[in-house]
């Protein structure tokens, strides 16, 4: 054996090969650093690695001819071999060198992103669970576009009513509403959402009378399963919804939920509630909620016993703490007062239960909050918002399960995708977090917060050039959003070009002085400050931010944004006060810090 090793050592072929491999492996980390600092594309890096691999074979040829055989001149054979290797290397670069385009990743629908992890090269047979259903936006037959809110409102209420059937899993209204005016057949929509049944309908409102026409279609075959129409007074609209729910449950052979006794409603109050809901739909600023608040109050003045109006007002008061400067201590008593009124009038009001749970979760009352969320989900297991908010009070792995369920029920919900991205970040699954983060950009292409989240993930993955480009993917509308985007892009660019540090810091300090920063925007500013090494400023602001939005601080110990603060006693005190998410197991890796820059 020793003789064999001695002979191998003496071989020029072995010597040259080992030398080349050693040098190549030493250069790989250097290449990685240089590529990041100069913002090289993934294609350039891949081609360099292919060239280094091809170089090994070139080295072997040269070692054989000029090392082993000792030839002094390059022969025709050697020329031919080297030329062939160069051509083959070029073909390999052309075939597999280019990286996948990032624009396609961003443009993909959230529903496709959700199933990306289970996609295969070969198309699979469409075989959704038989108990799945989507209620598409009912057509507005009035011919008056201003009445669309009415058709949408009834469709949303019917969606919620069907969701209370424990034998059904119903896609949330947020996602279903994206198919308004769609020309796709039921089979295509069913396949996109992975549901077996599609309910379509039409609504005609004439004064205080309403006609509802409905059709249930099997998404696998495209055949009609059931159809009917209902004519009634608008005051009896809830009875019509109950009749439709019962008929669908019978057609699909599932247990019909035990609903509240049929009730009548003041038509004018009902109309005001539907208008308020339309204003709140997919709204991420204070103004629509302020308008909705006025409408709910008008509805309550007309019909004090209308539970949905009280629950809706509780919803508004809570959301205003997220999208305005309204203090929690002022809002939460109003949330509880309106939600409790709703429950007295209707003990099965799911919206009221969810916002009582949110009020308790905000104040750190986990046990009480869990009880409310569990009651809500027992009544309406398909309620995506209840799953979403329930996750805020659970240990990390259980939280992930709730957020995944929310995304499955409502893949086009920006809050659901955002929460899923945050949880996957907390668990250290940075690459996986890219899926919901990209979906957020598609769902809300005006949101500075969505760009901040995507930039953070790319930064954690040491893809700094892509972090900078994340801000090019949105079109901010408000002055605050524009300022956040400009400061964010400059901050991440300064991580590549340190000479920009002072300019980035000035932009972030200008943001800090603004008076219109809501809790979410404050969080974005702190993210940028930590990236710029301004730890002291964040430690000064963080207690105020946690006090105004406690749920946003429930993961301080494991959120990678705050890794630079881990050694600070003031930060550890905040962790003790606000962190309610269970820490990872002792053997799991600590969260990686995002790249930062010292001042």
Protein backbone atom coordinates (compact mmCIF):
# COMPACT_ATOMS: atom_id res chain seq x y z
CA UNK A 1 0.00 0.00 0.00
CA UNK A 2 2.86 2.38 0.92
CA UNK A 3 4.50 1.63 -2.42
CA UNK A 4 1.22 2.49 -4.21
CA UNK A 5 0.95 5.84 -2.43
CA UNK A 6 4.59 6.58 -3.22
CA UNK A 7 4.01 5.90 -6.93
CA UNK A 8 0.87 8.08 -6.92
CA UNK A 9 2.76 10.94 -5.30
CA UNK A 10 5.40 10.75 -8.00
CA UNK A 11 2.81 11.02 -10.80
CA UNK A 12 2.62 14.49 -12.34
CA UNK A 13 -1.05 13.83 -13.18
CA UNK A 14 -1.92 13.32 -9.50
CA UNK A 15 0.20 16.26 -8.35
CA UNK A 16 -1.34 18.70 -10.81
CA UNK A 17 -4.90 17.46 -10.09
CA UNK A 18 -4.57 17.80 -6.32
CA UNK A 19 -3.01 21.23 -6.69
CA UNK A 20 -5.79 22.45 -8.98
CA UNK A 21 -8.57 21.10 -6.71
CA UNK A 22 -6.96 22.69 -3.63
CA UNK A 23 -6.64 26.09 -5.29
CA UNK A 24 -10.21 25.90 -6.66
CA UNK A 25 -11.74 25.13 -3.27
CA UNK A 26 -9.74 27.98 -1.72
CA UNK A 27 -11.09 30.38 -4.36
CA UNK A 28 -14.79 29.46 -3.92
CA UNK A 29 -15.41 31.50 -0.71
CA UNK A 30 -13.42 34.38 -2.20
CA UNK A 31 -15.62 34.22 -5.31
CA UNK A 32 -18.74 34.32 -3.12
CA UNK A 33 -17.57 37.45 -1.28
CA UNK A 34 -16.48 39.25 -4.45
CA UNK A 35 -19.77 38.39 -6.22
CA UNK A 36 -21.82 39.84 -3.38
CA UNK A 37 -19.76 43.01 -2.99
CA UNK A 38 -19.86 43.78 -6.71
CA UNK A 39 -23.49 42.70 -7.13
CA UNK A 40 -22.68 40.05 -9.73
CA UNK A 41 -25.66 38.21 -11.16
CA UNK A 42 -26.30 34.56 -10.39
CA UNK A 43 -25.61 33.79 -14.06
CA UNK A 44 -22.06 35.19 -13.83
CA UNK A 45 -21.31 33.19 -10.69
CA UNK A 46 -22.67 29.96 -12.17
CA UNK A 47 -20.62 30.42 -15.36
CA UNK A 48 -17.43 30.99 -13.34
CA UNK A 49 -18.03 27.78 -11.39
CA UNK A 50 -18.61 25.87 -14.65
CA UNK A 51 -15.38 27.36 -16.05
CA UNK A 52 -13.44 26.25 -12.96
CA UNK A 53 -14.85 22.73 -13.31
CA UNK A 54 -13.94 22.62 -17.01
CA UNK A 55 -10.48 23.89 -16.11
CA UNK A 56 -9.85 20.68 -14.17
CA UNK A 57 -10.09 18.64 -17.38
CA UNK A 58 -7.84 21.11 -19.22
CA UNK A 59 -5.32 20.73 -16.38
CA UNK A 60 -5.47 16.93 -16.69
CA UNK A 61 -4.69 17.12 -20.43
CA UNK A 62 -1.76 19.50 -19.93
CA UNK A 63 -0.46 17.43 -16.99
CA UNK A 64 -0.51 14.28 -19.12
CA UNK A 65 1.27 15.72 -22.15
CA UNK A 66 3.77 18.02 -20.45
CA UNK A 67 4.12 16.44 -17.03
CA UNK A 68 3.94 12.68 -17.50
CA UNK A 69 5.18 12.46 -21.10
CA UNK A 70 7.52 15.45 -20.87
CA UNK A 71 6.65 16.81 -24.32
CA UNK A 72 7.95 20.28 -25.09
CA UNK A 73 5.61 21.19 -27.95
CA UNK A 74 1.82 21.14 -28.26
CA UNK A 75 0.77 18.33 -30.60
CA UNK A 76 -2.22 18.29 -32.93
CA UNK A 77 -3.94 15.72 -30.73
CA UNK A 78 -3.53 17.91 -27.68
CA UNK A 79 -4.84 20.90 -29.64
CA UNK A 80 -7.93 18.92 -30.68
CA UNK A 81 -8.63 17.72 -27.13
CA UNK A 82 -8.28 21.22 -25.65
CA UNK A 83 -10.50 22.73 -28.36
CA UNK A 84 -13.16 20.08 -27.73
CA UNK A 85 -13.08 20.83 -23.99
CA UNK A 86 -13.51 24.56 -24.61
CA UNK A 87 -16.49 23.96 -26.93
CA UNK A 88 -18.12 21.55 -24.45
CA UNK A 89 -17.57 24.04 -21.64
CA UNK A 90 -19.28 26.76 -23.67
CA UNK A 91 -22.24 24.50 -24.42
CA UNK A 92 -22.64 23.67 -20.73
CA UNK A 93 -22.56 27.38 -19.82
CA UNK A 94 -25.18 28.14 -22.47
CA UNK A 95 -27.42 25.28 -21.34
CA UNK A 96 -27.36 25.51 -17.55
CA UNK A 97 -25.48 28.71 -16.76
CA UNK A 98 -28.33 31.27 -16.77
CA UNK A 99 -30.21 31.53 -13.48
CA UNK A 100 -34.00 31.42 -13.44
CA UNK A 101 -35.48 34.89 -14.03
CA UNK A 102 -36.70 36.54 -10.86
CA UNK A 103 -39.54 38.45 -12.52
CA UNK A 104 -41.40 35.23 -13.15
CA UNK A 105 -41.12 34.35 -9.51
CA UNK A 106 -42.68 37.65 -8.52
CA UNK A 107 -45.47 37.47 -11.05
CA UNK A 108 -46.72 34.03 -10.14
CA UNK A 109 -50.15 33.97 -8.44
CA UNK A 110 -50.26 33.37 -4.72
CA UNK A 111 -52.22 30.19 -5.27
CA UNK A 112 -49.44 28.78 -7.45
CA UNK A 113 -46.80 29.85 -4.94
CA UNK A 114 -48.67 28.05 -2.20
CA UNK A 115 -48.41 24.78 -4.08
CA UNK A 116 -44.87 25.29 -5.41
CA UNK A 117 -43.43 23.03 -2.74
CA UNK A 118 -45.42 20.05 -4.01
CA UNK A 119 -45.17 20.76 -7.73
CA UNK A 120 -43.69 18.05 -9.94
CA UNK A 121 -42.35 17.98 -13.45
CA UNK A 122 -45.32 15.93 -14.66
CA UNK A 123 -48.86 17.34 -14.37
CA UNK A 124 -50.90 15.53 -11.74
CA UNK A 125 -54.55 14.55 -12.03
CA UNK A 126 -57.01 17.10 -10.63
CA UNK A 127 -58.50 15.36 -7.62
CA UNK A 128 -59.51 17.91 -4.96
CA UNK A 129 -61.20 16.89 -1.68
CA UNK A 130 -64.92 16.40 -2.25
CA UNK A 131 -65.85 18.72 0.63
CA UNK A 132 -64.17 21.83 -0.80
CA UNK A 133 -66.09 24.80 -2.20
CA UNK A 134 -65.61 28.33 -3.50
CA UNK A 135 -68.41 30.89 -3.75
CA UNK A 136 -67.64 33.18 -6.68
CA UNK A 137 -68.84 36.82 -6.62
CA UNK A 138 -72.48 36.87 -7.65
CA UNK A 139 -73.25 38.89 -10.76
CA UNK A 140 -74.98 42.24 -10.25
CA UNK A 141 -78.05 42.18 -12.52
CA UNK A 142 -79.14 45.73 -11.71
CA UNK A 143 -76.92 47.22 -14.41
CA UNK A 144 -75.81 49.83 -11.88
CA UNK A 145 -72.11 49.44 -11.02
CA UNK A 146 -72.62 51.43 -7.84
CA UNK A 147 -74.69 48.48 -6.56
CA UNK A 148 -71.75 46.04 -6.82
CA UNK A 149 -71.20 46.34 -3.06
CA UNK A 150 -74.66 44.84 -2.54
CA UNK A 151 -73.99 41.74 -4.67
CA UNK A 152 -70.56 41.34 -3.10
CA UNK A 153 -71.94 41.76 0.40
CA UNK A 154 -74.53 39.02 -0.01
CA UNK A 155 -71.92 36.74 -1.59
CA UNK A 156 -69.55 37.31 1.34
CA UNK A 157 -72.30 36.62 3.88
CA UNK A 158 -73.27 33.44 2.05
CA UNK A 159 -69.60 32.39 2.02
CA UNK A 160 -69.45 32.86 5.79
CA UNK A 161 -72.72 31.00 6.31
CA UNK A 162 -71.50 28.03 4.26
CA UNK A 163 -68.20 28.07 6.15
CA UNK A 164 -70.12 27.26 9.33
CA UNK A 165 -70.84 23.80 7.94
CA UNK A 166 -68.22 21.58 9.58
CA UNK A 167 -68.51 19.20 6.63
CA UNK A 168 -67.30 21.86 4.17
CA UNK A 169 -64.02 23.69 3.63
CA UNK A 170 -64.87 27.01 1.98
CA UNK A 171 -62.38 29.34 0.27
CA UNK A 172 -62.44 32.79 1.88
CA UNK A 173 -64.09 35.78 0.27
CA UNK A 174 -60.79 37.70 -0.08
CA UNK A 175 -59.55 35.13 -2.58
CA UNK A 176 -62.89 34.39 -4.24
CA UNK A 177 -63.46 38.10 -4.91
CA UNK A 178 -60.48 38.13 -7.31
CA UNK A 179 -62.62 36.13 -9.74
CA UNK A 180 -65.25 38.85 -10.09
CA UNK A 181 -66.12 39.21 -13.80
CA UNK A 182 -63.85 36.26 -14.63
CA UNK A 183 -64.54 34.51 -17.93
CA UNK A 184 -62.79 31.31 -16.83
CA UNK A 185 -64.96 28.18 -16.67
CA UNK A 186 -65.74 26.63 -13.30
CA UNK A 187 -63.35 23.76 -14.06
CA UNK A 188 -60.39 26.14 -14.47
CA UNK A 189 -61.20 28.12 -11.32
CA UNK A 190 -61.72 24.93 -9.35
CA UNK A 191 -58.34 23.64 -10.48
CA UNK A 192 -56.61 26.94 -9.63
CA UNK A 193 -58.02 26.88 -6.09
CA UNK A 194 -57.97 23.08 -5.67
CA UNK A 195 -61.69 22.85 -4.86
CA UNK A 196 -64.23 20.30 -6.02
CA UNK A 197 -67.28 22.57 -6.15
CA UNK A 198 -67.95 26.07 -7.48
CA UNK A 199 -71.03 28.09 -6.53
CA UNK A 200 -72.02 30.92 -8.88
CA UNK A 201 -74.99 33.22 -8.76
CA UNK A 202 -76.79 36.38 -9.78
CA UNK A 203 -78.55 39.00 -7.69
CA UNK A 204 -81.26 41.47 -8.65
CA UNK A 205 -82.40 44.07 -6.17
CA UNK A 206 -85.61 45.98 -6.82
CA UNK A 207 -86.56 48.33 -4.03
CA UNK A 208 -86.97 46.25 -0.89
CA UNK A 209 -87.22 42.97 -2.80
CA UNK A 210 -84.37 40.71 -3.85
CA UNK A 211 -84.00 37.80 -6.27
CA UNK A 212 -81.07 35.40 -5.88
CA UNK A 213 -80.24 32.85 -8.61
CA UNK A 214 -77.67 30.20 -7.71
CA UNK A 215 -75.95 27.29 -9.45
CA UNK A 216 -73.60 24.66 -8.00
CA UNK A 217 -71.09 23.15 -10.47
CA UNK A 218 -68.81 20.14 -10.09
CA UNK A 219 -65.34 21.58 -10.81
CA UNK A 220 -63.97 18.21 -11.92
CA UNK A 221 -66.61 17.55 -14.58
CA UNK A 222 -68.07 20.99 -15.26
CA UNK A 223 -71.58 19.55 -14.80
CA UNK A 224 -74.31 21.30 -12.83
CA UNK A 225 -75.01 19.68 -9.47
CA UNK A 226 -77.89 21.88 -8.35
CA UNK A 227 -79.58 25.19 -9.20
CA UNK A 228 -82.45 27.27 -7.87
CA UNK A 229 -83.73 30.81 -7.45
CA UNK A 230 -85.19 32.65 -4.48
CA UNK A 231 -87.47 35.70 -4.36
CA UNK A 232 -88.09 37.45 -1.06
CA UNK A 233 -88.19 40.74 0.78
CA UNK A 234 -84.80 42.25 1.56
CA UNK A 235 -85.71 42.09 5.26
CA UNK A 236 -85.66 38.28 4.92
CA UNK A 237 -82.26 38.07 3.22
CA UNK A 238 -80.80 35.98 6.06
CA UNK A 239 -83.58 33.43 5.63
CA UNK A 240 -82.72 33.22 1.92
CA UNK A 241 -79.07 32.60 2.80
CA UNK A 242 -80.06 29.84 5.22
CA UNK A 243 -82.20 28.17 2.54
CA UNK A 244 -79.31 28.24 0.06
CA UNK A 245 -76.89 26.84 2.66
CA UNK A 246 -79.28 24.01 3.49
CA UNK A 247 -79.82 23.18 -0.19
CA UNK A 248 -76.08 23.07 -0.91
CA UNK A 249 -75.44 20.90 2.14
CA UNK A 250 -78.09 18.51 0.86
CA UNK A 251 -76.68 18.49 -2.68
CA UNK A 252 -73.17 17.74 -1.40
CA UNK A 253 -74.44 15.31 1.24
CA UNK A 254 -72.77 17.07 4.17
CA UNK A 255 -74.18 17.90 7.57
CA UNK A 256 -76.02 21.23 7.62
CA UNK A 257 -74.76 23.56 10.34
CA UNK A 258 -77.14 24.43 13.14
CA UNK A 259 -77.54 28.13 12.43
CA UNK A 260 -79.15 30.86 14.51
CA UNK A 261 -82.94 31.15 14.26
CA UNK A 262 -83.96 32.96 11.09
CA UNK A 263 -84.12 36.70 11.67
CA UNK A 264 -85.24 39.75 9.80
CA UNK A 265 -83.17 42.89 9.28
CA UNK A 266 -83.83 46.55 8.69
CA UNK A 267 -83.16 46.93 4.92
CA UNK A 268 -81.56 50.38 5.29
CA UNK A 269 -79.30 49.23 8.13
CA UNK A 270 -78.36 46.13 6.14
CA UNK A 271 -77.43 48.29 3.16
CA UNK A 272 -75.21 50.50 5.35
CA UNK A 273 -73.39 47.46 6.76
CA UNK A 274 -72.67 46.11 3.27
CA UNK A 275 -71.31 49.51 2.22
CA UNK A 276 -69.06 49.61 5.30
CA UNK A 277 -67.68 46.14 4.56
CA UNK A 278 -66.97 47.12 0.96
CA UNK A 279 -64.93 50.10 2.19
CA UNK A 280 -62.89 47.93 4.54
CA UNK A 281 -62.15 45.23 1.99
CA UNK A 282 -58.40 45.03 1.30
CA UNK A 283 -57.84 48.44 2.94
CA UNK A 284 -54.50 49.20 4.59
CA UNK A 285 -54.94 52.82 5.66
CA UNK A 286 -57.02 54.71 8.22
CA UNK A 287 -59.37 56.63 5.90
CA UNK A 288 -61.58 53.71 4.71
CA UNK A 289 -61.99 52.55 8.31
CA UNK A 290 -63.01 56.04 9.44
CA UNK A 291 -65.67 56.09 6.71
CA UNK A 292 -66.83 52.60 7.65
CA UNK A 293 -67.09 53.65 11.30
CA UNK A 294 -69.62 56.35 10.36
CA UNK A 295 -71.70 53.86 8.34
CA UNK A 296 -71.77 51.29 11.14
CA UNK A 297 -72.89 53.95 13.61
CA UNK A 298 -75.68 54.98 11.23
CA UNK A 299 -76.77 51.34 10.92
CA UNK A 300 -76.84 50.95 14.71
CA UNK A 301 -78.91 54.13 15.03
CA UNK A 302 -81.46 52.62 12.61
CA UNK A 303 -81.35 49.09 14.10
CA UNK A 304 -79.83 48.93 17.62
CA UNK A 305 -80.46 45.17 17.71
CA UNK A 306 -78.41 44.46 14.54
CA UNK A 307 -75.56 42.26 15.82
CA UNK A 308 -73.47 42.44 12.64
CA UNK A 309 -73.36 46.25 12.85
CA UNK A 310 -71.99 46.13 16.41
CA UNK A 311 -69.45 43.43 15.46
CA UNK A 312 -68.38 45.46 12.43
CA UNK A 313 -67.85 48.54 14.58
CA UNK A 314 -65.69 46.48 16.98
CA UNK A 315 -63.67 45.38 13.95
CA UNK A 316 -63.18 49.01 12.86
CA UNK A 317 -62.04 50.20 16.29
CA UNK A 318 -59.43 47.45 16.44
CA UNK A 319 -58.07 48.04 12.92
CA UNK A 320 -57.71 51.76 13.59
CA UNK A 321 -55.05 50.91 16.18
CA UNK A 322 -53.07 49.32 13.34
CA UNK A 323 -53.53 51.97 10.65
CA UNK A 324 -53.71 55.20 12.65
CA UNK A 325 -52.26 56.77 15.75
CA UNK A 326 -55.32 55.83 17.86
CA UNK A 327 -53.99 54.64 21.26
CA UNK A 328 -54.80 51.10 22.34
CA UNK A 329 -56.00 52.22 25.75
CA UNK A 330 -58.65 54.32 24.03
CA UNK A 331 -59.67 51.77 21.39
CA UNK A 332 -59.79 48.44 23.26
CA UNK A 333 -62.66 49.34 25.63
CA UNK A 334 -64.71 50.32 22.56
CA UNK A 335 -63.79 47.06 20.80
CA UNK A 336 -64.99 45.05 23.79
CA UNK A 337 -68.15 47.10 24.29
CA UNK A 338 -69.35 46.68 20.69
CA UNK A 339 -68.30 43.02 20.42
CA UNK A 340 -70.08 42.12 23.65
CA UNK A 341 -73.24 43.88 22.46
CA UNK A 342 -73.08 41.78 19.29
CA UNK A 343 -72.75 38.55 21.29
CA UNK A 344 -75.71 39.43 23.51
CA UNK A 345 -77.78 39.89 20.34
CA UNK A 346 -76.27 36.88 18.54
CA UNK A 347 -74.17 34.42 20.61
CA UNK A 348 -72.93 32.83 17.35
CA UNK A 349 -71.45 36.03 15.91
CA UNK A 350 -67.99 34.92 14.81
CA UNK A 351 -66.67 38.40 14.00
CA UNK A 352 -67.39 39.56 17.55
CA UNK A 353 -65.59 36.53 19.02
CA UNK A 354 -62.53 37.11 16.83
CA UNK A 355 -62.14 40.74 17.89
CA UNK A 356 -62.66 39.97 21.57
CA UNK A 357 -59.84 37.45 21.09
CA UNK A 358 -57.70 40.10 19.41
CA UNK A 359 -58.34 42.57 22.23
CA UNK A 360 -57.20 40.02 24.82
CA UNK A 361 -54.21 38.94 22.72
CA UNK A 362 -53.12 42.57 22.44
CA UNK A 363 -53.08 42.85 26.23
CA UNK A 364 -51.17 39.59 26.65
CA UNK A 365 -54.16 37.62 27.96
CA UNK A 366 -53.31 34.47 26.02
CA UNK A 367 -55.64 32.03 27.76
CA UNK A 368 -58.68 34.29 27.37
CA UNK A 369 -57.80 35.03 23.75
CA UNK A 370 -57.41 31.32 22.94
CA UNK A 371 -60.89 30.66 24.33
CA UNK A 372 -62.47 33.26 22.05
CA UNK A 373 -60.60 32.04 18.96
CA UNK A 374 -61.51 28.42 19.70
CA UNK A 375 -65.18 29.37 20.05
CA UNK A 376 -65.01 31.23 16.73
CA UNK A 377 -63.42 28.28 14.91
CA UNK A 378 -65.87 25.81 16.44
CA UNK A 379 -68.66 27.87 14.86
CA UNK A 380 -66.86 28.63 11.58
CA UNK A 381 -63.92 26.28 10.85
CA UNK A 382 -63.41 27.87 7.41
CA UNK A 383 -62.87 31.35 8.83
CA UNK A 384 -59.40 32.30 7.60
CA UNK A 385 -59.18 35.40 9.81
CA UNK A 386 -59.89 33.36 12.94
CA UNK A 387 -57.08 30.93 12.05
CA UNK A 388 -54.80 33.87 11.25
CA UNK A 389 -55.35 35.65 14.56
CA UNK A 390 -55.43 32.46 16.63
CA UNK A 391 -51.86 31.86 15.51
CA UNK A 392 -50.76 35.01 17.37
CA UNK A 393 -51.27 33.36 20.77
CA UNK A 394 -49.88 29.87 20.12
CA UNK A 395 -46.42 28.28 20.36
CA UNK A 396 -44.34 28.60 17.21
CA UNK A 397 -45.06 25.27 15.50
CA UNK A 398 -48.80 25.51 16.24
CA UNK A 399 -48.74 29.08 14.96
CA UNK A 400 -47.24 27.86 11.68
CA UNK A 401 -50.05 25.31 11.31
CA UNK A 402 -52.70 28.01 11.82
CA UNK A 403 -51.06 30.41 9.36
CA UNK A 404 -50.75 27.65 6.75
CA UNK A 405 -54.44 26.83 7.21
CA UNK A 406 -55.31 30.51 6.79
CA UNK A 407 -53.29 30.71 3.55
CA UNK A 408 -54.89 27.51 2.26
CA UNK A 409 -58.36 28.96 2.88
CA UNK A 410 -57.44 32.44 1.65
CA UNK A 411 -54.32 32.35 -0.57
CA UNK A 412 -54.95 35.85 -1.90
CA UNK A 413 -55.09 37.44 1.56
CA UNK A 414 -52.19 39.84 2.15
CA UNK A 415 -52.38 39.54 5.98
CA UNK A 416 -52.33 35.74 5.72
CA UNK A 417 -49.29 35.72 3.42
CA UNK A 418 -47.56 38.31 5.63
CA UNK A 419 -48.06 36.29 8.81
CA UNK A 420 -46.82 33.13 7.10
CA UNK A 421 -43.67 34.94 5.93
CA UNK A 422 -43.02 36.26 9.46
CA UNK A 423 -43.41 32.83 11.06
CA UNK A 424 -41.09 31.18 8.53
CA UNK A 425 -38.54 33.92 9.19
CA UNK A 426 -38.84 33.29 12.93
CA UNK A 427 -38.21 29.60 12.30
CA UNK A 428 -35.11 30.37 10.22
CA UNK A 429 -36.70 29.13 6.98
CA UNK A 430 -35.54 32.14 4.97
CA UNK A 431 -35.72 30.55 1.51
CA UNK A 432 -39.22 29.23 2.25
CA UNK A 433 -40.30 32.69 3.45
CA UNK A 434 -39.62 34.03 -0.06
CA UNK A 435 -42.80 32.34 -1.34
CA UNK A 436 -45.31 34.33 0.76
CA UNK A 437 -43.12 37.45 0.56
CA UNK A 438 -43.28 37.39 -3.25
CA UNK A 439 -47.01 36.73 -3.09
CA UNK A 440 -47.40 39.87 -0.98
CA UNK A 441 -45.81 41.99 -3.71
CA UNK A 442 -48.31 40.64 -6.22
CA UNK A 443 -51.27 41.12 -3.90
CA UNK A 444 -50.36 44.66 -2.88
CA UNK A 445 -47.92 46.22 -5.38
CA UNK A 446 -48.19 49.63 -3.65
CA UNK A 447 -47.07 48.48 -0.20
CA UNK A 448 -43.72 49.73 1.09
CA UNK A 449 -43.99 47.21 3.92
CA UNK A 450 -44.14 44.32 1.42
CA UNK A 451 -40.95 45.54 -0.25
CA UNK A 452 -39.27 45.90 3.16
CA UNK A 453 -40.13 42.30 4.00
CA UNK A 454 -38.81 40.94 0.71
CA UNK A 455 -35.62 43.01 1.00
CA UNK A 456 -35.06 41.71 4.53
CA UNK A 457 -35.31 38.09 3.39
CA UNK A 458 -32.92 38.60 0.47
CA UNK A 459 -30.50 40.30 2.86
CA UNK A 460 -30.67 37.37 5.30
CA UNK A 461 -29.92 35.07 2.35
CA UNK A 462 -26.88 37.26 1.51
CA UNK A 463 -28.45 38.27 -1.80
CA UNK A 464 -27.90 41.98 -1.27
CA UNK A 465 -28.27 43.03 -4.90
CA UNK A 466 -31.74 41.46 -5.00
CA UNK A 467 -32.60 43.18 -1.73
CA UNK A 468 -31.99 46.52 -3.45
CA UNK A 469 -34.09 45.52 -6.46
CA UNK A 470 -37.03 44.48 -4.23
CA UNK A 471 -38.03 48.14 -3.98
CA UNK A 472 -38.33 48.42 -7.77
CA UNK A 473 -41.19 45.91 -7.70
CA UNK A 474 -43.75 48.25 -6.13
CA UNK A 475 -45.39 51.56 -7.04
CA UNK A 476 -46.03 53.42 -3.77
CA UNK A 477 -48.93 55.87 -3.78
CA UNK A 478 -48.69 57.85 -0.54
CA UNK A 479 -45.90 60.28 0.34
CA UNK A 480 -45.01 58.17 3.38
CA UNK A 481 -44.76 55.00 1.28
CA UNK A 482 -42.58 56.79 -1.28
CA UNK A 483 -40.25 58.00 1.47
CA UNK A 484 -40.03 54.51 2.98
CA UNK A 485 -39.19 52.96 -0.40
CA UNK A 486 -36.51 55.55 -1.16
CA UNK A 487 -34.90 55.14 2.26
CA UNK A 488 -35.14 51.36 2.10
CA UNK A 489 -33.48 51.10 -1.29
CA UNK A 490 -30.73 53.51 -0.27
CA UNK A 491 -30.11 51.59 2.96
CA UNK A 492 -29.67 48.22 1.26
CA UNK A 493 -27.58 49.81 -1.49
CA UNK A 494 -25.29 51.20 1.22
CA UNK A 495 -24.58 47.64 2.38
CA UNK A 496 -23.01 47.11 -1.05
CA UNK A 497 -21.51 50.60 -1.29
CA UNK A 498 -20.42 51.85 2.17
CA UNK A 499 -19.81 55.35 0.79
CA UNK A 500 -23.63 55.75 0.75
CA UNK A 501 -23.95 55.12 4.49
CA UNK A 502 -24.24 58.77 5.53
CA UNK A 503 -26.81 59.48 2.81
CA UNK A 504 -28.89 56.45 3.83
CA UNK A 505 -28.72 57.41 7.48
CA UNK A 506 -29.95 60.93 6.70
CA UNK A 507 -32.93 59.51 4.78
CA UNK A 508 -33.88 57.21 7.66
CA UNK A 509 -33.50 59.99 10.25
CA UNK A 510 -35.81 62.14 8.13
CA UNK A 511 -38.38 59.35 8.25
CA UNK A 512 -38.05 59.11 12.01
CA UNK A 513 -39.08 62.76 12.37
CA UNK A 514 -42.38 62.27 10.49
CA UNK A 515 -45.58 62.57 12.52
CA UNK A 516 -47.66 60.20 10.37
CA UNK A 517 -45.81 56.97 11.20
CA UNK A 518 -48.21 54.17 12.14
CA UNK A 519 -46.93 51.09 14.07
CA UNK A 520 -46.18 49.18 10.85
CA UNK A 521 -44.18 52.05 9.36
CA UNK A 522 -42.27 52.48 12.63
CA UNK A 523 -41.30 48.82 12.39
CA UNK A 524 -39.96 49.41 8.88
CA UNK A 525 -37.90 52.39 10.06
CA UNK A 526 -36.40 50.32 12.88
CA UNK A 527 -35.50 47.58 10.39
CA UNK A 528 -33.53 50.13 8.37
CA UNK A 529 -31.88 51.61 11.46
CA UNK A 530 -30.66 48.20 12.58
CA UNK A 531 -29.29 47.55 9.08
CA UNK A 532 -27.36 50.82 9.41
CA UNK A 533 -26.04 49.93 12.87
CA UNK A 534 -28.22 52.44 14.75
CA UNK A 535 -28.95 50.09 17.65
CA UNK A 536 -29.26 52.80 20.29
CA UNK A 537 -32.01 54.60 18.36
CA UNK A 538 -34.00 51.37 18.03
CA UNK A 539 -33.63 50.60 21.74
CA UNK A 540 -35.05 54.05 22.44
CA UNK A 541 -38.08 53.59 20.15
CA UNK A 542 -38.86 49.89 20.56
CA UNK A 543 -40.64 50.17 23.96
CA UNK A 544 -43.08 52.71 22.50
CA UNK A 545 -43.68 50.57 19.42
CA UNK A 546 -44.34 47.46 21.50
CA UNK A 547 -46.73 49.38 23.74
CA UNK A 548 -48.76 50.57 20.73
CA UNK A 549 -48.73 47.19 18.92
CA UNK A 550 -47.92 44.40 21.43
CA UNK A 551 -48.75 41.54 19.07
CA UNK A 552 -46.03 42.78 16.73
CA UNK A 553 -43.49 42.23 19.52
CA UNK A 554 -44.54 38.69 20.45
CA UNK A 555 -41.52 37.18 18.66
CA UNK A 556 -38.71 39.51 19.77
CA UNK A 557 -36.41 36.70 20.91
CA UNK A 558 -36.43 34.86 17.57
CA UNK A 559 -37.12 37.59 15.01
CA UNK A 560 -33.88 37.87 12.96
CA UNK A 561 -34.31 41.64 12.62
CA UNK A 562 -33.48 42.09 16.31
CA UNK A 563 -30.41 39.85 16.53
CA UNK A 564 -28.10 42.92 16.86
CA UNK A 565 -29.89 43.78 20.13
CA UNK A 566 -29.68 40.38 21.81
CA UNK A 567 -26.91 41.36 24.21
CA UNK A 568 -28.67 44.49 25.47
CA UNK A 569 -30.35 44.35 28.94
CA UNK A 570 -33.07 46.79 27.83
CA UNK A 571 -33.93 44.51 24.94
CA UNK A 572 -34.03 41.43 27.15
CA UNK A 573 -36.47 43.26 29.44
CA UNK A 574 -38.76 43.83 26.44
CA UNK A 575 -38.47 40.15 25.50
CA UNK A 576 -39.57 39.20 29.00
CA UNK A 577 -42.51 41.61 28.84
CA UNK A 578 -43.84 40.99 25.33
CA UNK A 579 -42.44 37.78 23.83
CA UNK A 580 -45.14 35.10 23.90
CA UNK A 581 -43.88 32.82 21.11
CA UNK A 582 -42.10 29.67 22.27
CA UNK A 583 -38.40 29.66 21.50
CA UNK A 584 -36.93 27.02 19.15
CA UNK A 585 -35.69 23.76 20.59
CA UNK A 586 -32.30 23.95 22.29
CA UNK A 587 -30.57 22.10 19.48
CA UNK A 588 -31.86 24.35 16.71
CA UNK A 589 -29.75 27.11 15.25
CA UNK A 590 -30.09 30.65 16.52
CA UNK A 591 -31.53 33.15 14.03
CA UNK A 592 -28.96 34.64 11.71
CA UNK A 593 -28.47 38.37 11.84
CA UNK A 594 -29.13 40.36 8.71
CA UNK A 595 -26.06 42.09 7.27
CA UNK A 596 -25.49 45.44 8.97
CA UNK A 597 -23.10 48.31 8.64
CA UNK A 598 -21.38 50.19 11.41
CA UNK A 599 -21.80 53.96 11.40
